[in-house]
Amino acid sequence: MMSELRNNAEAARYELDEQGETSWADYRLQGERLYIDHVESPPALRGTGAAGRLMKALAQDARDRGLKITPICGYAAAWLRRSPEFKDLVS
């Protein structure tokens, strides 16, 4: 069971809970640009696609808010390259 994406603005990170564990993405928001600095899933969720589900939810949130994404994190960059439906968000 997957929870809703949380934008924890105080901690500057997106969070997604699954199986009692939390995956997260640290970000910086500068104007209309969302910099994704780091994406991580706890060991129990690695290999389950949890980080990909987090990326999909945060990319959709960025689109809904009219933001562009600049991935600093290698994982985020690779995920966005593999996700043609969100190509328009990367600049």
N, C-alpha and C. Protein backbone atom coordinates (compact mmCIF):
# COMPACT_ATOMS: atom_id res chain seq x y z
N MET A 1 0.85 -1.20 0.00
CA MET A 1 0.00 0.00 0.00
C MET A 1 0.88 1.25 0.00
N MET A 2 0.67 2.09 -0.99
CA MET A 2 1.48 3.29 -1.13
C MET A 2 0.72 4.49 -0.60
N SER A 3 1.41 5.36 0.09
CA SER A 3 0.76 6.56 0.61
C SER A 3 0.84 7.68 -0.42
N GLU A 4 0.28 8.79 -0.06
CA GLU A 4 0.36 9.99 -0.89
C GLU A 4 1.73 10.62 -0.75
N LEU A 5 2.16 11.27 -1.81
CA LEU A 5 3.40 12.05 -1.77
C LEU A 5 3.23 13.18 -0.77
N ARG A 6 4.22 13.38 0.08
CA ARG A 6 4.24 14.52 0.99
C ARG A 6 5.34 15.47 0.57
N ASN A 7 5.02 16.75 0.50
CA ASN A 7 6.04 17.76 0.29
C ASN A 7 6.35 18.34 1.66
N ASN A 8 7.41 17.85 2.28
CA ASN A 8 7.82 18.32 3.59
C ASN A 8 8.67 19.57 3.39
N ALA A 9 7.99 20.70 3.24
CA ALA A 9 8.67 21.95 2.88
C ALA A 9 9.67 22.38 3.95
N GLU A 10 9.37 22.09 5.22
CA GLU A 10 10.26 22.46 6.32
C GLU A 10 11.62 21.78 6.18
N ALA A 11 11.60 20.50 5.77
CA ALA A 11 12.83 19.74 5.59
C ALA A 11 13.35 19.83 4.15
N ALA A 12 12.60 20.51 3.27
CA ALA A 12 12.93 20.61 1.84
C ALA A 12 13.12 19.23 1.24
N ARG A 13 12.12 18.37 1.46
CA ARG A 13 12.19 17.07 0.83
C ARG A 13 10.79 16.52 0.56
N TYR A 14 10.70 15.76 -0.53
CA TYR A 14 9.50 15.01 -0.83
C TYR A 14 9.63 13.67 -0.13
N GLU A 15 8.51 13.14 0.37
CA GLU A 15 8.53 11.87 1.09
C GLU A 15 7.39 10.99 0.59
N LEU A 16 7.66 9.68 0.57
CA LEU A 16 6.65 8.71 0.17
C LEU A 16 6.82 7.49 1.06
N ASP A 17 5.73 7.10 1.75
CA ASP A 17 5.78 5.95 2.66
C ASP A 17 5.29 4.70 1.97
N GLU A 18 5.99 3.61 2.17
CA GLU A 18 5.57 2.28 1.72
C GLU A 18 6.03 1.27 2.75
N GLN A 19 5.17 0.34 3.10
CA GLN A 19 5.53 -0.75 4.02
C GLN A 19 6.18 -0.22 5.30
N GLY A 20 5.68 0.88 5.80
CA GLY A 20 6.21 1.44 7.04
C GLY A 20 7.58 2.09 6.92
N GLU A 21 8.07 2.27 5.69
CA GLU A 21 9.37 2.91 5.45
C GLU A 21 9.15 4.15 4.58
N THR A 22 10.09 5.09 4.63
CA THR A 22 9.95 6.33 3.88
C THR A 22 11.10 6.52 2.90
N SER A 23 10.76 6.68 1.61
CA SER A 23 11.73 7.10 0.60
C SER A 23 11.66 8.62 0.54
N TRP A 24 12.77 9.27 0.18
CA TRP A 24 12.72 10.73 0.13
C TRP A 24 13.61 11.29 -0.97
N ALA A 25 13.31 12.53 -1.32
CA ALA A 25 14.10 13.28 -2.30
C ALA A 25 14.34 14.67 -1.73
N ASP A 26 15.60 14.99 -1.50
CA ASP A 26 15.95 16.34 -1.04
C ASP A 26 15.91 17.28 -2.24
N TYR A 27 15.37 18.47 -2.05
CA TYR A 27 15.27 19.41 -3.16
C TYR A 27 15.55 20.84 -2.72
N ARG A 28 15.78 21.68 -3.71
CA ARG A 28 15.84 23.13 -3.51
C ARG A 28 14.92 23.75 -4.54
N LEU A 29 14.10 24.66 -4.11
CA LEU A 29 13.20 25.37 -5.02
C LEU A 29 13.73 26.78 -5.20
N GLN A 30 14.08 27.12 -6.46
CA GLN A 30 14.56 28.47 -6.76
C GLN A 30 13.71 29.00 -7.90
N GLY A 31 12.82 29.92 -7.58
CA GLY A 31 11.89 30.44 -8.58
C GLY A 31 11.00 29.33 -9.10
N GLU A 32 11.05 29.12 -10.42
CA GLU A 32 10.20 28.09 -11.06
C GLU A 32 10.99 26.80 -11.29
N ARG A 33 12.14 26.66 -10.63
CA ARG A 33 13.01 25.50 -10.86
C ARG A 33 13.16 24.68 -9.58
N LEU A 34 12.97 23.37 -9.74
CA LEU A 34 13.11 22.42 -8.65
C LEU A 34 14.41 21.63 -8.87
N TYR A 35 15.38 21.83 -7.99
CA TYR A 35 16.63 21.08 -8.06
C TYR A 35 16.49 19.84 -7.18
N ILE A 36 16.67 18.66 -7.77
CA ILE A 36 16.60 17.42 -7.00
C ILE A 36 18.04 17.03 -6.65
N ASP A 37 18.39 17.22 -5.37
CA ASP A 37 19.77 17.03 -4.92
C ASP A 37 20.09 15.57 -4.59
N HIS A 38 19.12 14.85 -4.05
CA HIS A 38 19.41 13.50 -3.58
C HIS A 38 18.11 12.71 -3.47
N VAL A 39 18.12 11.48 -3.97
CA VAL A 39 16.97 10.59 -3.85
C VAL A 39 17.44 9.33 -3.13
N GLU A 40 16.67 8.90 -2.14
CA GLU A 40 17.07 7.71 -1.39
C GLU A 40 15.87 6.91 -0.91
N SER A 41 16.04 5.58 -0.94
CA SER A 41 15.08 4.67 -0.34
C SER A 41 15.79 3.92 0.77
N PRO A 42 15.07 3.60 1.86
CA PRO A 42 15.70 2.81 2.91
C PRO A 42 16.04 1.40 2.40
N PRO A 43 17.01 0.74 3.01
CA PRO A 43 17.44 -0.58 2.53
C PRO A 43 16.29 -1.56 2.28
N ALA A 44 15.27 -1.55 3.15
CA ALA A 44 14.16 -2.50 3.01
C ALA A 44 13.38 -2.31 1.71
N LEU A 45 13.43 -1.10 1.14
CA LEU A 45 12.66 -0.81 -0.08
C LEU A 45 13.50 -0.85 -1.34
N ARG A 46 14.82 -1.00 -1.21
CA ARG A 46 15.67 -0.98 -2.40
C ARG A 46 15.36 -2.18 -3.29
N GLY A 47 15.31 -1.92 -4.58
CA GLY A 47 15.00 -2.99 -5.52
C GLY A 47 13.52 -3.23 -5.70
N THR A 48 12.67 -2.44 -5.03
CA THR A 48 11.21 -2.62 -5.14
C THR A 48 10.57 -1.61 -6.09
N GLY A 49 11.39 -0.66 -6.61
CA GLY A 49 10.83 0.39 -7.45
C GLY A 49 10.32 1.59 -6.67
N ALA A 50 10.58 1.59 -5.35
CA ALA A 50 10.07 2.67 -4.49
C ALA A 50 10.60 4.04 -4.92
N ALA A 51 11.90 4.13 -5.23
CA ALA A 51 12.48 5.42 -5.62
C ALA A 51 11.87 5.89 -6.94
N GLY A 52 11.58 4.97 -7.84
CA GLY A 52 10.94 5.33 -9.10
C GLY A 52 9.52 5.85 -8.90
N ARG A 53 8.79 5.23 -7.98
CA ARG A 53 7.43 5.72 -7.68
C ARG A 53 7.49 7.10 -7.06
N LEU A 54 8.49 7.33 -6.19
CA LEU A 54 8.69 8.65 -5.61
C LEU A 54 8.98 9.67 -6.70
N MET A 55 9.88 9.33 -7.62
CA MET A 55 10.22 10.25 -8.71
C MET A 55 9.01 10.56 -9.57
N LYS A 56 8.20 9.54 -9.87
CA LYS A 56 7.02 9.77 -10.71
C LYS A 56 6.05 10.73 -10.02
N ALA A 57 5.85 10.53 -8.72
CA ALA A 57 4.93 11.39 -7.97
C ALA A 57 5.47 12.81 -7.87
N LEU A 58 6.77 12.96 -7.65
CA LEU A 58 7.30 14.32 -7.53
C LEU A 58 7.34 15.03 -8.88
N ALA A 59 7.60 14.27 -9.96
CA ALA A 59 7.58 14.88 -11.30
C ALA A 59 6.17 15.35 -11.64
N GLN A 60 5.17 14.57 -11.27
CA GLN A 60 3.79 14.98 -11.51
C GLN A 60 3.45 16.23 -10.70
N ASP A 61 3.93 16.27 -9.45
CA ASP A 61 3.69 17.44 -8.60
C ASP A 61 4.35 18.68 -9.22
N ALA A 62 5.58 18.52 -9.72
CA ALA A 62 6.28 19.64 -10.36
C ALA A 62 5.47 20.14 -11.56
N ARG A 63 4.98 19.19 -12.38
CA ARG A 63 4.17 19.57 -13.54
C ARG A 63 2.92 20.33 -13.10
N ASP A 64 2.24 19.82 -12.08
CA ASP A 64 1.01 20.46 -11.60
C ASP A 64 1.28 21.87 -11.10
N ARG A 65 2.48 22.10 -10.59
CA ARG A 65 2.84 23.42 -10.05
C ARG A 65 3.54 24.30 -11.07
N GLY A 66 3.72 23.81 -12.31
CA GLY A 66 4.35 24.61 -13.35
C GLY A 66 5.84 24.79 -13.16
N LEU A 67 6.50 23.80 -12.53
CA LEU A 67 7.93 23.90 -12.26
C LEU A 67 8.74 23.10 -13.27
N LYS A 68 9.98 23.51 -13.49
CA LYS A 68 10.95 22.74 -14.26
C LYS A 68 11.85 22.01 -13.27
N ILE A 69 12.41 20.87 -13.70
CA ILE A 69 13.26 20.08 -12.82
C ILE A 69 14.70 20.08 -13.33
N THR A 70 15.63 20.32 -12.42
CA THR A 70 17.05 20.16 -12.70
C THR A 70 17.56 19.08 -11.76
N PRO A 71 17.84 17.87 -12.30
CA PRO A 71 18.32 16.80 -11.44
C PRO A 71 19.82 16.94 -11.17
N ILE A 72 20.19 17.04 -9.90
CA ILE A 72 21.59 17.05 -9.49
C ILE A 72 21.99 15.60 -9.18
N CYS A 73 21.10 14.89 -8.55
CA CYS A 73 21.29 13.48 -8.19
C CYS A 73 21.36 12.62 -9.45
N GLY A 74 22.34 11.74 -9.51
CA GLY A 74 22.50 10.85 -10.66
C GLY A 74 21.29 9.95 -10.89
N TYR A 75 20.70 9.45 -9.80
CA TYR A 75 19.53 8.59 -9.94
C TYR A 75 18.37 9.37 -10.56
N ALA A 76 18.12 10.58 -10.05
CA ALA A 76 17.03 11.40 -10.57
C ALA A 76 17.24 11.70 -12.05
N ALA A 77 18.48 12.01 -12.42
CA ALA A 77 18.80 12.32 -13.83
C ALA A 77 18.53 11.10 -14.71
N ALA A 78 18.98 9.93 -14.26
CA ALA A 78 18.78 8.71 -15.04
C ALA A 78 17.29 8.37 -15.15
N TRP A 79 16.55 8.53 -14.05
CA TRP A 79 15.12 8.23 -14.08
C TRP A 79 14.40 9.15 -15.07
N LEU A 80 14.74 10.43 -15.04
CA LEU A 80 14.09 11.38 -15.95
C LEU A 80 14.44 11.08 -17.41
N ARG A 81 15.67 10.65 -17.67
CA ARG A 81 16.06 10.28 -19.05
C ARG A 81 15.23 9.09 -19.54
N ARG A 82 14.89 8.18 -18.64
CA ARG A 82 14.12 6.98 -19.02
C ARG A 82 12.61 7.22 -19.04
N SER A 83 12.17 8.43 -18.73
CA SER A 83 10.74 8.71 -18.56
C SER A 83 10.28 9.78 -19.54
N PRO A 84 10.02 9.36 -20.79
CA PRO A 84 9.68 10.34 -21.83
C PRO A 84 8.47 11.21 -21.48
N GLU A 85 7.56 10.71 -20.65
CA GLU A 85 6.37 11.52 -20.34
C GLU A 85 6.70 12.75 -19.50
N PHE A 86 7.91 12.79 -18.92
CA PHE A 86 8.29 13.95 -18.12
C PHE A 86 9.46 14.73 -18.72
N LYS A 87 9.83 14.39 -19.96
CA LYS A 87 10.96 15.05 -20.64
C LYS A 87 10.82 16.56 -20.69
N ASP A 88 9.60 17.02 -20.86
CA ASP A 88 9.35 18.46 -20.98
C ASP A 88 9.67 19.23 -19.70
N LEU A 89 9.81 18.53 -18.57
CA LEU A 89 10.08 19.21 -17.30
C LEU A 89 11.55 19.48 -17.09
N VAL A 90 12.41 18.76 -17.83
CA VAL A 90 13.85 18.86 -17.61
C VAL A 90 14.45 19.93 -18.51
N SER A 91 15.23 20.80 -17.90
CA SER A 91 15.88 21.83 -18.72
C SER A 91 17.24 22.16 -18.14
